[in-house]
Amino acid sequence: MKKFDELVTQQLETMDQLLFLQSEIERCQEIEGELIKLHEEAKLHSVQGEISEMKLKLKEIQLTFEAQTEDIIRTYKSEGACSTLA
């Protein structure tokens, strides 16, 4: 089950990245709301650009997470089958 454990560890690190990025997006969206209220157009566009970039990165991380989940399931099934035969 060593490979399985390694995959789970990697996926936990990916989950940490997901959670961090989601909180950063939320923080930037709060700033975006304040800038809208203050009519700070130049700063608003900058923050909106950052939010767009973070959302793209978040999507990439989500795809990585999904692929890791598939690897974990596949590894668990193959290692689990081997351990039940042993």
PDB file of N, CA and C in Angstrom:
ATOM      1  N   MET A   1       0.817  -1.205   0.000  1.00  0.00           N
ATOM      2  CA  MET A   1       0.000   0.000   0.000  1.00  0.00           C
ATOM      3  C   MET A   1       0.858   1.265   0.000  1.00  0.00           C
ATOM      4  N   LYS A   2       2.173   1.112  -0.195  1.00  0.00           N
ATOM      5  CA  LYS A   2       3.059   2.271  -0.161  1.00  0.00           C
ATOM      6  C   LYS A   2       2.696   3.280  -1.245  1.00  0.00           C
ATOM      7  N   LYS A   3       2.461   2.812  -2.461  1.00  0.00           N
ATOM      8  CA  LYS A   3       2.110   3.703  -3.566  1.00  0.00           C
ATOM      9  C   LYS A   3       0.802   4.432  -3.248  1.00  0.00           C
ATOM     10  N   PHE A   4      -0.151   3.715  -2.698  1.00  0.00           N
ATOM     11  CA  PHE A   4      -1.437   4.303  -2.318  1.00  0.00           C
ATOM     12  C   PHE A   4      -1.227   5.433  -1.317  1.00  0.00           C
ATOM     13  N   ASP A   5      -0.411   5.186  -0.303  1.00  0.00           N
ATOM     14  CA  ASP A   5      -0.141   6.201   0.718  1.00  0.00           C
ATOM     15  C   ASP A   5       0.519   7.435   0.110  1.00  0.00           C
ATOM     16  N   GLU A   6       1.449   7.226  -0.818  1.00  0.00           N
ATOM     17  CA  GLU A   6       2.110   8.348  -1.486  1.00  0.00           C
ATOM     18  C   GLU A   6       1.102   9.177  -2.285  1.00  0.00           C
ATOM     19  N   LEU A   7       0.191   8.491  -2.986  1.00  0.00           N
ATOM     20  CA  LEU A   7      -0.817   9.192  -3.776  1.00  0.00           C
ATOM     21  C   LEU A   7      -1.764   9.991  -2.885  1.00  0.00           C
ATOM     22  N   VAL A   8      -2.133   9.414  -1.769  1.00  0.00           N
ATOM     23  CA  VAL A   8      -3.023  10.119  -0.841  1.00  0.00           C
ATOM     24  C   VAL A   8      -2.324  11.361  -0.286  1.00  0.00           C
ATOM     25  N   THR A   9      -1.044  11.233   0.039  1.00  0.00           N
ATOM     26  CA  THR A   9      -0.278  12.376   0.544  1.00  0.00           C
ATOM     27  C   THR A   9      -0.230  13.489  -0.502  1.00  0.00           C
ATOM     28  N   GLN A  10       0.021  13.122  -1.759  1.00  0.00           N
ATOM     29  CA  GLN A  10       0.045  14.110  -2.839  1.00  0.00           C
ATOM     30  C   GLN A  10      -1.313  14.788  -2.979  1.00  0.00           C
ATOM     31  N   GLN A  11      -2.360  13.999  -2.872  1.00  0.00           N
ATOM     32  CA  GLN A  11      -3.691  14.573  -3.030  1.00  0.00           C
ATOM     33  C   GLN A  11      -4.031  15.513  -1.875  1.00  0.00           C
ATOM     34  N   LEU A  12      -3.570  15.209  -0.687  1.00  0.00           N
ATOM     35  CA  LEU A  12      -3.799  16.113   0.445  1.00  0.00           C
ATOM     36  C   LEU A  12      -3.090  17.450   0.217  1.00  0.00           C
ATOM     37  N   GLU A  13      -1.906  17.399  -0.368  1.00  0.00           N
ATOM     38  CA  GLU A  13      -1.191  18.634  -0.694  1.00  0.00           C
ATOM     39  C   GLU A  13      -1.961  19.435  -1.747  1.00  0.00           C
ATOM     40  N   THR A  14      -2.522  18.736  -2.722  1.00  0.00           N
ATOM     41  CA  THR A  14      -3.328  19.398  -3.743  1.00  0.00           C
ATOM     42  C   THR A  14      -4.566  20.024  -3.115  1.00  0.00           C
ATOM     43  N   MET A  15      -5.175  19.327  -2.163  1.00  0.00           N
ATOM     44  CA  MET A  15      -6.348  19.859  -1.471  1.00  0.00           C
ATOM     45  C   MET A  15      -5.991  21.134  -0.721  1.00  0.00           C
ATOM     46  N   ASP A  16      -4.810  21.153  -0.106  1.00  0.00           N
ATOM     47  CA  ASP A  16      -4.357  22.370   0.570  1.00  0.00           C
ATOM     48  C   ASP A  16      -4.244  23.529  -0.419  1.00  0.00           C
ATOM     49  N   GLN A  17      -3.714  23.250  -1.608  1.00  0.00           N
ATOM     50  CA  GLN A  17      -3.602  24.284  -2.639  1.00  0.00           C
ATOM     51  C   GLN A  17      -4.981  24.785  -3.049  1.00  0.00           C
ATOM     52  N   LEU A  18      -5.916  23.853  -3.219  1.00  0.00           N
ATOM     53  CA  LEU A  18      -7.290  24.216  -3.584  1.00  0.00           C
ATOM     54  C   LEU A  18      -7.912  25.130  -2.540  1.00  0.00           C
ATOM     55  N   LEU A  19      -7.803  24.749  -1.295  1.00  0.00           N
ATOM     56  CA  LEU A  19      -8.403  25.538  -0.221  1.00  0.00           C
ATOM     57  C   LEU A  19      -7.767  26.917  -0.114  1.00  0.00           C
ATOM     58  N   PHE A  20      -6.440  26.974  -0.247  1.00  0.00           N
ATOM     59  CA  PHE A  20      -5.758  28.258  -0.185  1.00  0.00           C
ATOM     60  C   PHE A  20      -6.217  29.165  -1.316  1.00  0.00           C
ATOM     61  N   LEU A  21      -6.254  28.623  -2.535  1.00  0.00           N
ATOM     62  CA  LEU A  21      -6.635  29.431  -3.685  1.00  0.00           C
ATOM     63  C   LEU A  21      -8.086  29.887  -3.593  1.00  0.00           C
ATOM     64  N   GLN A  22      -8.953  29.032  -3.113  1.00  0.00           N
ATOM     65  CA  GLN A  22     -10.349  29.426  -2.941  1.00  0.00           C
ATOM     66  C   GLN A  22     -10.475  30.571  -1.938  1.00  0.00           C
ATOM     67  N   SER A  23      -9.710  30.510  -0.861  1.00  0.00           N
ATOM     68  CA  SER A  23      -9.788  31.594   0.124  1.00  0.00           C
ATOM     69  C   SER A  23      -9.214  32.883  -0.454  1.00  0.00           C
ATOM     70  N   GLU A  24      -8.173  32.795  -1.282  1.00  0.00           N
ATOM     71  CA  GLU A  24      -7.613  33.975  -1.927  1.00  0.00           C
ATOM     72  C   GLU A  24      -8.606  34.597  -2.905  1.00  0.00           C
ATOM     73  N   ILE A  25      -9.320  33.760  -3.635  1.00  0.00           N
ATOM     74  CA  ILE A  25     -10.337  34.262  -4.559  1.00  0.00           C
ATOM     75  C   ILE A  25     -11.425  34.987  -3.774  1.00  0.00           C
ATOM     76  N   GLU A  26     -11.872  34.401  -2.688  1.00  0.00           N
ATOM     77  CA  GLU A  26     -12.899  35.046  -1.863  1.00  0.00           C
ATOM     78  C   GLU A  26     -12.409  36.390  -1.331  1.00  0.00           C
ATOM     79  N   ARG A  27     -11.163  36.440  -0.887  1.00  0.00           N
ATOM     80  CA  ARG A  27     -10.586  37.678  -0.372  1.00  0.00           C
ATOM     81  C   ARG A  27     -10.553  38.744  -1.470  1.00  0.00           C
ATOM     82  N   CYS A  28     -10.125  38.352  -2.659  1.00  0.00           N
ATOM     83  CA  CYS A  28     -10.062  39.301  -3.774  1.00  0.00           C
ATOM     84  C   CYS A  28     -11.458  39.758  -4.199  1.00  0.00           C
ATOM     85  N   GLN A  29     -12.423  38.871  -4.103  1.00  0.00           N
ATOM     86  CA  GLN A  29     -13.786  39.252  -4.455  1.00  0.00           C
ATOM     87  C   GLN A  29     -14.343  40.269  -3.452  1.00  0.00           C
ATOM     88  N   GLU A  30     -13.940  40.156  -2.209  1.00  0.00           N
ATOM     89  CA  GLU A  30     -14.343  41.159  -1.217  1.00  0.00           C
ATOM     90  C   GLU A  30     -13.720  42.512  -1.557  1.00  0.00           C
ATOM     91  N   ILE A  31     -12.457  42.486  -1.927  1.00  0.00           N
ATOM     92  CA  ILE A  31     -11.776  43.714  -2.344  1.00  0.00           C
ATOM     93  C   ILE A  31     -12.450  44.281  -3.587  1.00  0.00           C
ATOM     94  N   GLU A  32     -12.807  43.407  -4.507  1.00  0.00           N
ATOM     95  CA  GLU A  32     -13.503  43.829  -5.730  1.00  0.00           C
ATOM     96  C   GLU A  32     -14.788  44.569  -5.378  1.00  0.00           C
ATOM     97  N   GLY A  33     -15.546  44.033  -4.432  1.00  0.00           N
ATOM     98  CA  GLY A  33     -16.792  44.666  -4.015  1.00  0.00           C
ATOM     99  C   GLY A  33     -16.556  46.048  -3.431  1.00  0.00           C
ATOM    100  N   GLU A  34     -15.516  46.179  -2.630  1.00  0.00           N
ATOM    101  CA  GLU A  34     -15.191  47.478  -2.048  1.00  0.00           C
ATOM    102  C   GLU A  34     -14.775  48.478  -3.128  1.00  0.00           C
ATOM    103  N   LEU A  35     -13.990  48.027  -4.094  1.00  0.00           N
ATOM    104  CA  LEU A  35     -13.545  48.913  -5.171  1.00  0.00           C
ATOM    105  C   LEU A  35     -14.725  49.374  -6.030  1.00  0.00           C
ATOM    106  N   ILE A  36     -15.694  48.497  -6.221  1.00  0.00           N
ATOM    107  CA  ILE A  36     -16.895  48.874  -6.974  1.00  0.00           C
ATOM    108  C   ILE A  36     -17.622  49.989  -6.229  1.00  0.00           C
ATOM    109  N   LYS A  37     -17.743  49.818  -4.909  1.00  0.00           N
ATOM    110  CA  LYS A  37     -18.417  50.843  -4.106  1.00  0.00           C
ATOM    111  C   LYS A  37     -17.683  52.179  -4.168  1.00  0.00           C
ATOM    112  N   LEU A  38     -16.360  52.114  -4.224  1.00  0.00           N
ATOM    113  CA  LEU A  38     -15.546  53.327  -4.220  1.00  0.00           C
ATOM    114  C   LEU A  38     -15.312  53.890  -5.633  1.00  0.00           C
ATOM    115  N   HIS A  39     -15.815  53.205  -6.626  1.00  0.00           N
ATOM    116  CA  HIS A  39     -15.652  53.622  -8.022  1.00  0.00           C
ATOM    117  C   HIS A  39     -14.181  53.746  -8.417  1.00  0.00           C
ATOM    118  N   GLU A  40     -13.378  52.808  -7.976  1.00  0.00           N
ATOM    119  CA  GLU A  40     -11.948  52.765  -8.289  1.00  0.00           C
ATOM    120  C   GLU A  40     -11.743  51.858  -9.510  1.00  0.00           C
ATOM    121  N   GLU A  41     -12.024  52.385 -10.689  1.00  0.00           N
ATOM    122  CA  GLU A  41     -12.009  51.585 -11.908  1.00  0.00           C
ATOM    123  C   GLU A  41     -10.650  50.946 -12.222  1.00  0.00           C
ATOM    124  N   ALA A  42      -9.575  51.697 -12.112  1.00  0.00           N
ATOM    125  CA  ALA A  42      -8.252  51.164 -12.459  1.00  0.00           C
ATOM    126  C   ALA A  42      -7.880  50.001 -11.536  1.00  0.00           C
ATOM    127  N   LYS A  43      -8.071  50.200 -10.247  1.00  0.00           N
ATOM    128  CA  LYS A  43      -7.752  49.145  -9.287  1.00  0.00           C
ATOM    129  C   LYS A  43      -8.704  47.962  -9.457  1.00  0.00           C
ATOM    130  N   LEU A  44      -9.945  48.263  -9.784  1.00  0.00           N
ATOM    131  CA  LEU A  44     -10.948  47.231  -9.977  1.00  0.00           C
ATOM    132  C   LEU A  44     -10.545  46.288 -11.102  1.00  0.00           C
ATOM    133  N   HIS A  45     -10.095  46.844 -12.223  1.00  0.00           N
ATOM    134  CA  HIS A  45      -9.687  46.010 -13.355  1.00  0.00           C
ATOM    135  C   HIS A  45      -8.502  45.126 -12.979  1.00  0.00           C
ATOM    136  N   SER A  46      -7.598  45.667 -12.197  1.00  0.00           N
ATOM    137  CA  SER A  46      -6.433  44.895 -11.750  1.00  0.00           C
ATOM    138  C   SER A  46      -6.868  43.705 -10.892  1.00  0.00           C
ATOM    139  N   VAL A  47      -7.750  43.949  -9.949  1.00  0.00           N
ATOM    140  CA  VAL A  47      -8.230  42.887  -9.067  1.00  0.00           C
ATOM    141  C   VAL A  47      -9.034  41.860  -9.865  1.00  0.00           C
ATOM    142  N   GLN A  48      -9.845  42.327 -10.802  1.00  0.00           N
ATOM    143  CA  GLN A  48     -10.627  41.406 -11.623  1.00  0.00           C
ATOM    144  C   GLN A  48      -9.711  40.509 -12.461  1.00  0.00           C
ATOM    145  N   GLY A  49      -8.605  41.073 -12.930  1.00  0.00           N
ATOM    146  CA  GLY A  49      -7.630  40.276 -13.668  1.00  0.00           C
ATOM    147  C   GLY A  49      -7.011  39.199 -12.789  1.00  0.00           C
ATOM    148  N   GLU A  50      -6.683  39.570 -11.569  1.00  0.00           N
ATOM    149  CA  GLU A  50      -6.124  38.603 -10.618  1.00  0.00           C
ATOM    150  C   GLU A  50      -7.128  37.487 -10.327  1.00  0.00           C
ATOM    151  N   ILE A  51      -8.382  37.863 -10.151  1.00  0.00           N
ATOM    152  CA  ILE A  51      -9.425  36.873  -9.877  1.00  0.00           C
ATOM    153  C   ILE A  51      -9.542  35.899 -11.055  1.00  0.00           C
ATOM    154  N   SER A  52      -9.512  36.429 -12.264  1.00  0.00           N
ATOM    155  CA  SER A  52      -9.603  35.560 -13.447  1.00  0.00           C
ATOM    156  C   SER A  52      -8.437  34.581 -13.513  1.00  0.00           C
ATOM    157  N   GLU A  53      -7.233  35.083 -13.241  1.00  0.00           N
ATOM    158  CA  GLU A  53      -6.049  34.218 -13.253  1.00  0.00           C
ATOM    159  C   GLU A  53      -6.158  33.137 -12.178  1.00  0.00           C
ATOM    160  N   MET A  54      -6.608  33.509 -10.995  1.00  0.00           N
ATOM    161  CA  MET A  54      -6.736  32.542  -9.906  1.00  0.00           C
ATOM    162  C   MET A  54      -7.801  31.490 -10.222  1.00  0.00           C
ATOM    163  N   LYS A  55      -8.871  31.903 -10.875  1.00  0.00           N
ATOM    164  CA  LYS A  55      -9.917  30.943 -11.233  1.00  0.00           C
ATOM    165  C   LYS A  55      -9.399  29.934 -12.251  1.00  0.00           C
ATOM    166  N   LEU A  56      -8.566  30.388 -13.185  1.00  0.00           N
ATOM    167  CA  LEU A  56      -7.963  29.463 -14.145  1.00  0.00           C
ATOM    168  C   LEU A  56      -7.045  28.479 -13.425  1.00  0.00           C
ATOM    169  N   LYS A  57      -6.232  28.983 -12.510  1.00  0.00           N
ATOM    170  CA  LYS A  57      -5.336  28.131 -11.736  1.00  0.00           C
ATOM    171  C   LYS A  57      -6.136  27.152 -10.895  1.00  0.00           C
ATOM    172  N   LEU A  58      -7.234  27.617 -10.322  1.00  0.00           N
ATOM    173  CA  LEU A  58      -8.097  26.755  -9.519  1.00  0.00           C
ATOM    174  C   LEU A  58      -8.634  25.611 -10.371  1.00  0.00           C
ATOM    175  N   LYS A  59      -9.045  25.906 -11.589  1.00  0.00           N
ATOM    176  CA  LYS A  59      -9.557  24.873 -12.493  1.00  0.00           C
ATOM    177  C   LYS A  59      -8.480  23.835 -12.792  1.00  0.00           C
ATOM    178  N   GLU A  60      -7.242  24.304 -13.007  1.00  0.00           N
ATOM    179  CA  GLU A  60      -6.129  23.386 -13.255  1.00  0.00           C
ATOM    180  C   GLU A  60      -5.907  22.467 -12.052  1.00  0.00           C
ATOM    181  N   ILE A  61      -5.951  23.048 -10.865  1.00  0.00           N
ATOM    182  CA  ILE A  61      -5.742  22.264  -9.652  1.00  0.00           C
ATOM    183  C   ILE A  61      -6.879  21.267  -9.460  1.00  0.00           C
ATOM    184  N   GLN A  62      -8.101  21.678  -9.779  1.00  0.00           N
ATOM    185  CA  GLN A  62      -9.243  20.766  -9.663  1.00  0.00           C
ATOM    186  C   GLN A  62      -9.084  19.577 -10.601  1.00  0.00           C
ATOM    187  N   LEU A  63      -8.599  19.826 -11.816  1.00  0.00           N
ATOM    188  CA  LEU A  63      -8.369  18.732 -12.766  1.00  0.00           C
ATOM    189  C   LEU A  63      -7.277  17.795 -12.244  1.00  0.00           C
ATOM    190  N   THR A  64      -6.232  18.363 -11.663  1.00  0.00           N
ATOM    191  CA  THR A  64      -5.174  17.553 -11.062  1.00  0.00           C
ATOM    192  C   THR A  64      -5.739  16.703  -9.932  1.00  0.00           C
ATOM    193  N   PHE A  65      -6.578  17.307  -9.106  1.00  0.00           N
ATOM    194  CA  PHE A  65      -7.197  16.599  -7.986  1.00  0.00           C
ATOM    195  C   PHE A  65      -8.036  15.424  -8.487  1.00  0.00           C
ATOM    196  N   GLU A  66      -8.807  15.655  -9.543  1.00  0.00           N
ATOM    197  CA  GLU A  66      -9.634  14.587 -10.107  1.00  0.00           C
ATOM    198  C   GLU A  66      -8.774  13.447 -10.644  1.00  0.00           C
ATOM    199  N   ALA A  67      -7.687  13.796 -11.330  1.00  0.00           N
ATOM    200  CA  ALA A  67      -6.784  12.769 -11.854  1.00  0.00           C
ATOM    201  C   ALA A  67      -6.145  11.986 -10.713  1.00  0.00           C
ATOM    202  N   GLN A  68      -5.777  12.683  -9.642  1.00  0.00           N
ATOM    203  CA  GLN A  68      -5.195  12.010  -8.484  1.00  0.00           C
ATOM    204  C   GLN A  68      -6.200  11.057  -7.846  1.00  0.00           C
ATOM    205  N   THR A  69      -7.450  11.472  -7.794  1.00  0.00           N
ATOM    206  CA  THR A  69      -8.495  10.612  -7.236  1.00  0.00           C
ATOM    207  C   THR A  69      -8.599   9.322  -8.047  1.00  0.00           C
ATOM    208  N   GLU A  70      -8.574   9.451  -9.362  1.00  0.00           N
ATOM    209  CA  GLU A  70      -8.635   8.263 -10.219  1.00  0.00           C
ATOM    210  C   GLU A  70      -7.429   7.357  -9.985  1.00  0.00           C
ATOM    211  N   ASP A  71      -6.234   7.952  -9.859  1.00  0.00           N
ATOM    212  CA  ASP A  71      -5.028   7.169  -9.583  1.00  0.00           C
ATOM    213  C   ASP A  71      -5.118   6.456  -8.246  1.00  0.00           C
ATOM    214  N   ILE A  72      -5.636   7.157  -7.249  1.00  0.00           N
ATOM    215  CA  ILE A  72      -5.772   6.554  -5.916  1.00  0.00           C
ATOM    216  C   ILE A  72      -6.724   5.361  -5.964  1.00  0.00           C
ATOM    217  N   ILE A  73      -7.836   5.520  -6.629  1.00  0.00           N
ATOM    218  CA  ILE A  73      -8.818   4.434  -6.725  1.00  0.00           C
ATOM    219  C   ILE A  73      -8.214   3.244  -7.459  1.00  0.00           C
ATOM    220  N   ARG A  74      -7.550   3.527  -8.575  1.00  0.00           N
ATOM    221  CA  ARG A  74      -6.930   2.461  -9.372  1.00  0.00           C
ATOM    222  C   ARG A  74      -5.851   1.740  -8.549  1.00  0.00           C
ATOM    223  N   THR A  75      -5.035   2.499  -7.848  1.00  0.00           N
ATOM    224  CA  THR A  75      -3.968   1.908  -7.035  1.00  0.00           C
ATOM    225  C   THR A  75      -4.544   1.108  -5.876  1.00  0.00           C
ATOM    226  N   TYR A  76      -5.554   1.648  -5.242  1.00  0.00           N
ATOM    227  CA  TYR A  76      -6.177   0.935  -4.128  1.00  0.00           C
ATOM    228  C   TYR A  76      -6.739  -0.406  -4.591  1.00  0.00           C
ATOM    229  N   LYS A  77      -7.396  -0.379  -5.740  1.00  0.00           N
ATOM    230  CA  LYS A  77      -7.974  -1.617  -6.267  1.00  0.00           C
ATOM    231  C   LYS A  77      -6.882  -2.629  -6.603  1.00  0.00           C
ATOM    232  N   SER A  78      -5.811  -2.181  -7.243  1.00  0.00           N
ATOM    233  CA  SER A  78      -4.756  -3.125  -7.627  1.00  0.00           C
ATOM    234  C   SER A  78      -3.965  -3.597  -6.414  1.00  0.00           C
ATOM    235  N   GLU A  79      -3.612  -2.695  -5.488  1.00  0.00           N
ATOM    236  CA  GLU A  79      -2.872  -3.090  -4.295  1.00  0.00           C
ATOM    237  C   GLU A  79      -3.767  -3.875  -3.343  1.00  0.00           C
ATOM    238  N   GLY A  80      -5.021  -3.475  -3.269  1.00  0.00           N
ATOM    239  CA  GLY A  80      -5.960  -4.182  -2.405  1.00  0.00           C
ATOM    240  C   GLY A  80      -6.184  -5.590  -2.892  1.00  0.00           C
ATOM    241  N   ALA A  81      -6.272  -5.766  -4.216  1.00  0.00           N
ATOM    242  CA  ALA A  81      -6.455  -7.097  -4.795  1.00  0.00           C
ATOM    243  C   ALA A  81      -5.227  -7.964  -4.536  1.00  0.00           C
ATOM    244  N   CYS A  82      -4.058  -7.335  -4.615  1.00  0.00           N
ATOM    245  CA  CYS A  82      -2.817  -8.078  -4.368  1.00  0.00           C
ATOM    246  C   CYS A  82      -2.718  -8.502  -2.913  1.00  0.00           C
ATOM    247  N   SER A  83      -3.117  -7.645  -1.994  1.00  0.00           N
ATOM    248  CA  SER A  83      -2.998  -7.980  -0.584  1.00  0.00           C
ATOM    249  C   SER A  83      -4.008  -9.030  -0.161  1.00  0.00           C
ATOM    250  N   THR A  84      -5.155  -9.115  -0.830  1.00  0.00           N
ATOM    251  CA  THR A  84      -6.132 -10.141  -0.481  1.00  0.00           C
ATOM    252  C   THR A  84      -5.721 -11.490  -1.041  1.00  0.00           C
ATOM    253  N   LEU A  85      -4.901 -11.475  -2.102  1.00  0.00           N
ATOM    254  CA  LEU A  85      -4.410 -12.725  -2.680  1.00  0.00           C
ATOM    255  C   LEU A  85      -3.227 -13.269  -1.887  1.00  0.00           C
ATOM    256  N   ALA A  86      -2.539 -12.389  -1.189  1.00  0.00           N
ATOM    257  CA  ALA A  86      -1.314 -12.810  -0.476  1.00  0.00           C
ATOM    258  C   ALA A  86      -1.644 -13.515   0.815  1.00  0.00           C
TER     259      ALA A  86
END
